[in-house]
C-alpha atoms as a PDB file:
ATOM      1  CA  MET A   1       0.000   0.000   0.000  1.00  0.00           C
ATOM      2  CA  LYS A   2       1.279   3.446  -0.933  1.00  0.00           C
ATOM      3  CA  THR A   3       0.957   6.512   1.283  1.00  0.00           C
ATOM      4  CA  LEU A   4      -1.544   9.124   0.116  1.00  0.00           C
ATOM      5  CA  THR A   5      -0.581  12.719  -0.532  1.00  0.00           C
ATOM      6  CA  ALA A   6      -2.198  15.401   1.618  1.00  0.00           C
ATOM      7  CA  ARG A   7      -4.396  16.393  -1.344  1.00  0.00           C
ATOM      8  CA  ARG A   8      -5.603  12.839  -1.853  1.00  0.00           C
ATOM      9  CA  ARG A   9      -6.289  12.407   1.874  1.00  0.00           C
ATOM     10  CA  HIS A  10      -8.351  15.607   1.712  1.00  0.00           C
ATOM     11  CA  ILE A  11     -10.314  14.300  -1.272  1.00  0.00           C
ATOM     12  CA  LEU A  12     -10.888  10.956   0.449  1.00  0.00           C
ATOM     13  CA  ALA A  13     -12.123  12.765   3.567  1.00  0.00           C
ATOM     14  CA  LEU A  14     -14.605  14.637   1.373  1.00  0.00           C
ATOM     15  CA  VAL A  15     -15.678  11.294  -0.109  1.00  0.00           C
ATOM     16  CA  ALA A  16     -16.067   9.871   3.402  1.00  0.00           C
ATOM     17  CA  ASN A  17     -18.404  12.742   4.201  1.00  0.00           C
ATOM     18  CA  GLY A  18     -20.712  11.799   1.346  1.00  0.00           C
ATOM     19  CA  ASN A  19     -19.712  14.329  -1.302  1.00  0.00           C
ATOM     20  CA  THR A  20     -20.057  13.465  -4.976  1.00  0.00           C
ATOM     21  CA  ASN A  21     -17.181  13.985  -7.389  1.00  0.00           C
ATOM     22  CA  ALA A  22     -18.941  17.066  -8.765  1.00  0.00           C
ATOM     23  CA  GLN A  23     -19.351  18.511  -5.251  1.00  0.00           C
ATOM     24  CA  ILE A  24     -15.701  17.825  -4.430  1.00  0.00           C
ATOM     25  CA  GLY A  25     -14.653  19.535  -7.639  1.00  0.00           C
ATOM     26  CA  ARG A  26     -16.696  22.623  -6.774  1.00  0.00           C
ATOM     27  CA  LEU A  27     -15.392  22.686  -3.181  1.00  0.00           C
ATOM     28  CA  LEU A  28     -11.766  22.459  -4.309  1.00  0.00           C
ATOM     29  CA  GLY A  29     -12.065  24.540  -7.469  1.00  0.00           C
ATOM     30  CA  ILE A  30     -10.967  21.681  -9.715  1.00  0.00           C
ATOM     31  CA  HIS A  31     -12.647  19.870 -12.592  1.00  0.00           C
ATOM     32  CA  GLU A  32     -14.662  16.749 -11.863  1.00  0.00           C
ATOM     33  CA  ARG A  33     -12.318  14.805 -14.189  1.00  0.00           C
ATOM     34  CA  THR A  34      -9.432  15.787 -11.908  1.00  0.00           C
ATOM     35  CA  VAL A  35     -11.356  14.419  -8.932  1.00  0.00           C
ATOM     36  CA  ASN A  36     -11.954  11.193 -10.888  1.00  0.00           C
ATOM     37  CA  ARG A  37      -8.214  10.930 -11.601  1.00  0.00           C
ATOM     38  CA  HIS A  38      -7.348  11.484  -7.934  1.00  0.00           C
ATOM     39  CA  LEU A  39      -9.864   8.821  -6.894  1.00  0.00           C
ATOM     40  CA  ALA A  40      -8.442   6.340  -9.384  1.00  0.00           C
ATOM     41  CA  GLU A  41      -4.985   6.929  -7.881  1.00  0.00           C
ATOM     42  CA  ILE A  42      -6.401   6.606  -4.351  1.00  0.00           C
ATOM     43  CA  PHE A  43      -8.070   3.286  -5.234  1.00  0.00           C
ATOM     44  CA  HIS A  44      -4.821   2.051  -6.779  1.00  0.00           C
ATOM     45  CA  ALA A  45      -2.663   3.195  -3.841  1.00  0.00           C
ATOM     46  CA  LEU A  46      -4.972   1.562  -1.303  1.00  0.00           C
ATOM     47  CA  ASP A  47      -5.838  -1.442  -3.487  1.00  0.00           C
ATOM     48  CA  ALA A  48      -9.488  -0.497  -2.982  1.00  0.00           C
ATOM     49  CA  ARG A  49     -12.401  -1.533  -5.169  1.00  0.00           C
ATOM     50  CA  ASP A  50     -14.745   1.392  -4.487  1.00  0.00           C
ATOM     51  CA  ARG A  51     -15.291   4.557  -2.426  1.00  0.00           C
ATOM     52  CA  ALA A  52     -16.490   2.830   0.747  1.00  0.00           C
ATOM     53  CA  ASN A  53     -13.672   0.292   0.592  1.00  0.00           C
ATOM     54  CA  ALA A  54     -11.108   3.085   0.129  1.00  0.00           C
ATOM     55  CA  VAL A  55     -12.431   4.935   3.188  1.00  0.00           C
ATOM     56  CA  ALA A  56     -12.397   1.744   5.289  1.00  0.00           C
ATOM     57  CA  ILE A  57      -8.850   0.848   4.239  1.00  0.00           C
ATOM     58  CA  ALA A  58      -7.660   4.421   4.859  1.00  0.00           C
ATOM     59  CA  LEU A  59      -9.162   4.402   8.359  1.00  0.00           C
ATOM     60  CA  VAL A  60      -7.500   1.096   9.258  1.00  0.00           C
ATOM     61  CA  ALA A  61      -4.176   2.179   7.737  1.00  0.00           C
ATOM     62  CA  GLY A  62      -4.195   5.521   9.548  1.00  0.00           C
ATOM     63  CA  GLU A  63      -4.464   7.575   6.345  1.00  0.00           C
ATOM     64  CA  LEU A  64      -7.766   9.003   7.653  1.00  0.00           C
ATOM     65  CA  SER A  65      -8.912   9.345  11.220  1.00  0.00           C
ATOM     66  CA  PRO A  66     -12.486   9.273  12.506  1.00  0.00           C
ATOM     67  CA  GLN A  67     -12.156  13.024  13.162  1.00  0.00           C
ATOM     68  CA  HIS A  68     -12.109  13.543   9.370  1.00  0.00           C
ATOM     69  CA  ILE A  69     -15.642  12.172   9.102  1.00  0.00           C
ATOM     70  CA  HIS A  70     -18.628  14.309  10.031  1.00  0.00           C
ATOM     71  CA  ILE A  71     -21.808  12.445  10.853  1.00  0.00           C
ATOM     72  CA  PRO A  72     -24.866  14.733  10.743  1.00  0.00           C
ATOM     73  CA  ASP A  73     -26.678  14.969  14.064  1.00  0.00           C
ATOM     74  CA  GLU A  74     -29.868  13.332  12.751  1.00  0.00           C
ATOM     75  CA  GLN A  75     -27.918  10.292  11.512  1.00  0.00           C
ATOM     76  CA  ARG A  76     -25.986  10.094  14.777  1.00  0.00           C
ATOM     77  CA  GLU A  77     -29.259  10.079  16.735  1.00  0.00           C
ATOM     78  CA  GLN A  78     -30.750   7.354  14.506  1.00  0.00           C
ATOM     79  CA  ALA A  79     -27.686   5.164  15.020  1.00  0.00           C
ATOM     80  CA  ALA A  80     -27.814   5.497  18.813  1.00  0.00           C
END
Protein backbone atom coordinates (compact mmCIF):
# COMPACT_ATOMS: atom_id res chain seq x y z
CA MET A 1 0.00 0.00 0.00
CA LYS A 2 1.28 3.45 -0.93
CA THR A 3 0.96 6.51 1.28
CA LEU A 4 -1.54 9.12 0.12
CA THR A 5 -0.58 12.72 -0.53
CA ALA A 6 -2.20 15.40 1.62
CA ARG A 7 -4.40 16.39 -1.34
CA ARG A 8 -5.60 12.84 -1.85
CA ARG A 9 -6.29 12.41 1.87
CA HIS A 10 -8.35 15.61 1.71
CA ILE A 11 -10.31 14.30 -1.27
CA LEU A 12 -10.89 10.96 0.45
CA ALA A 13 -12.12 12.77 3.57
CA LEU A 14 -14.61 14.64 1.37
CA VAL A 15 -15.68 11.29 -0.11
CA ALA A 16 -16.07 9.87 3.40
CA ASN A 17 -18.40 12.74 4.20
CA GLY A 18 -20.71 11.80 1.35
CA ASN A 19 -19.71 14.33 -1.30
CA THR A 20 -20.06 13.46 -4.98
CA ASN A 21 -17.18 13.99 -7.39
CA ALA A 22 -18.94 17.07 -8.76
CA GLN A 23 -19.35 18.51 -5.25
CA ILE A 24 -15.70 17.82 -4.43
CA GLY A 25 -14.65 19.53 -7.64
CA ARG A 26 -16.70 22.62 -6.77
CA LEU A 27 -15.39 22.69 -3.18
CA LEU A 28 -11.77 22.46 -4.31
CA GLY A 29 -12.07 24.54 -7.47
CA ILE A 30 -10.97 21.68 -9.72
CA HIS A 31 -12.65 19.87 -12.59
CA GLU A 32 -14.66 16.75 -11.86
CA ARG A 33 -12.32 14.80 -14.19
CA THR A 34 -9.43 15.79 -11.91
CA VAL A 35 -11.36 14.42 -8.93
CA ASN A 36 -11.95 11.19 -10.89
CA ARG A 37 -8.21 10.93 -11.60
CA HIS A 38 -7.35 11.48 -7.93
CA LEU A 39 -9.86 8.82 -6.89
CA ALA A 40 -8.44 6.34 -9.38
CA GLU A 41 -4.98 6.93 -7.88
CA ILE A 42 -6.40 6.61 -4.35
CA PHE A 43 -8.07 3.29 -5.23
CA HIS A 44 -4.82 2.05 -6.78
CA ALA A 45 -2.66 3.19 -3.84
CA LEU A 46 -4.97 1.56 -1.30
CA ASP A 47 -5.84 -1.44 -3.49
CA ALA A 48 -9.49 -0.50 -2.98
CA ARG A 49 -12.40 -1.53 -5.17
CA ASP A 50 -14.74 1.39 -4.49
CA ARG A 51 -15.29 4.56 -2.43
CA ALA A 52 -16.49 2.83 0.75
CA ASN A 53 -13.67 0.29 0.59
CA ALA A 54 -11.11 3.09 0.13
CA VAL A 55 -12.43 4.94 3.19
CA ALA A 56 -12.40 1.74 5.29
CA ILE A 57 -8.85 0.85 4.24
CA ALA A 58 -7.66 4.42 4.86
CA LEU A 59 -9.16 4.40 8.36
CA VAL A 60 -7.50 1.10 9.26
CA ALA A 61 -4.18 2.18 7.74
CA GLY A 62 -4.20 5.52 9.55
CA GLU A 63 -4.46 7.58 6.35
CA LEU A 64 -7.77 9.00 7.65
CA SER A 65 -8.91 9.34 11.22
CA PRO A 66 -12.49 9.27 12.51
CA GLN A 67 -12.16 13.02 13.16
CA HIS A 68 -12.11 13.54 9.37
CA ILE A 69 -15.64 12.17 9.10
CA HIS A 70 -18.63 14.31 10.03
CA ILE A 71 -21.81 12.44 10.85
CA PRO A 72 -24.87 14.73 10.74
CA ASP A 73 -26.68 14.97 14.06
CA GLU A 74 -29.87 13.33 12.75
CA GLN A 75 -27.92 10.29 11.51
CA ARG A 76 -25.99 10.09 14.78
CA GLU A 77 -29.26 10.08 16.74
CA GLN A 78 -30.75 7.35 14.51
CA ALA A 79 -27.69 5.16 15.02
CA ALA A 80 -27.81 5.50 18.81
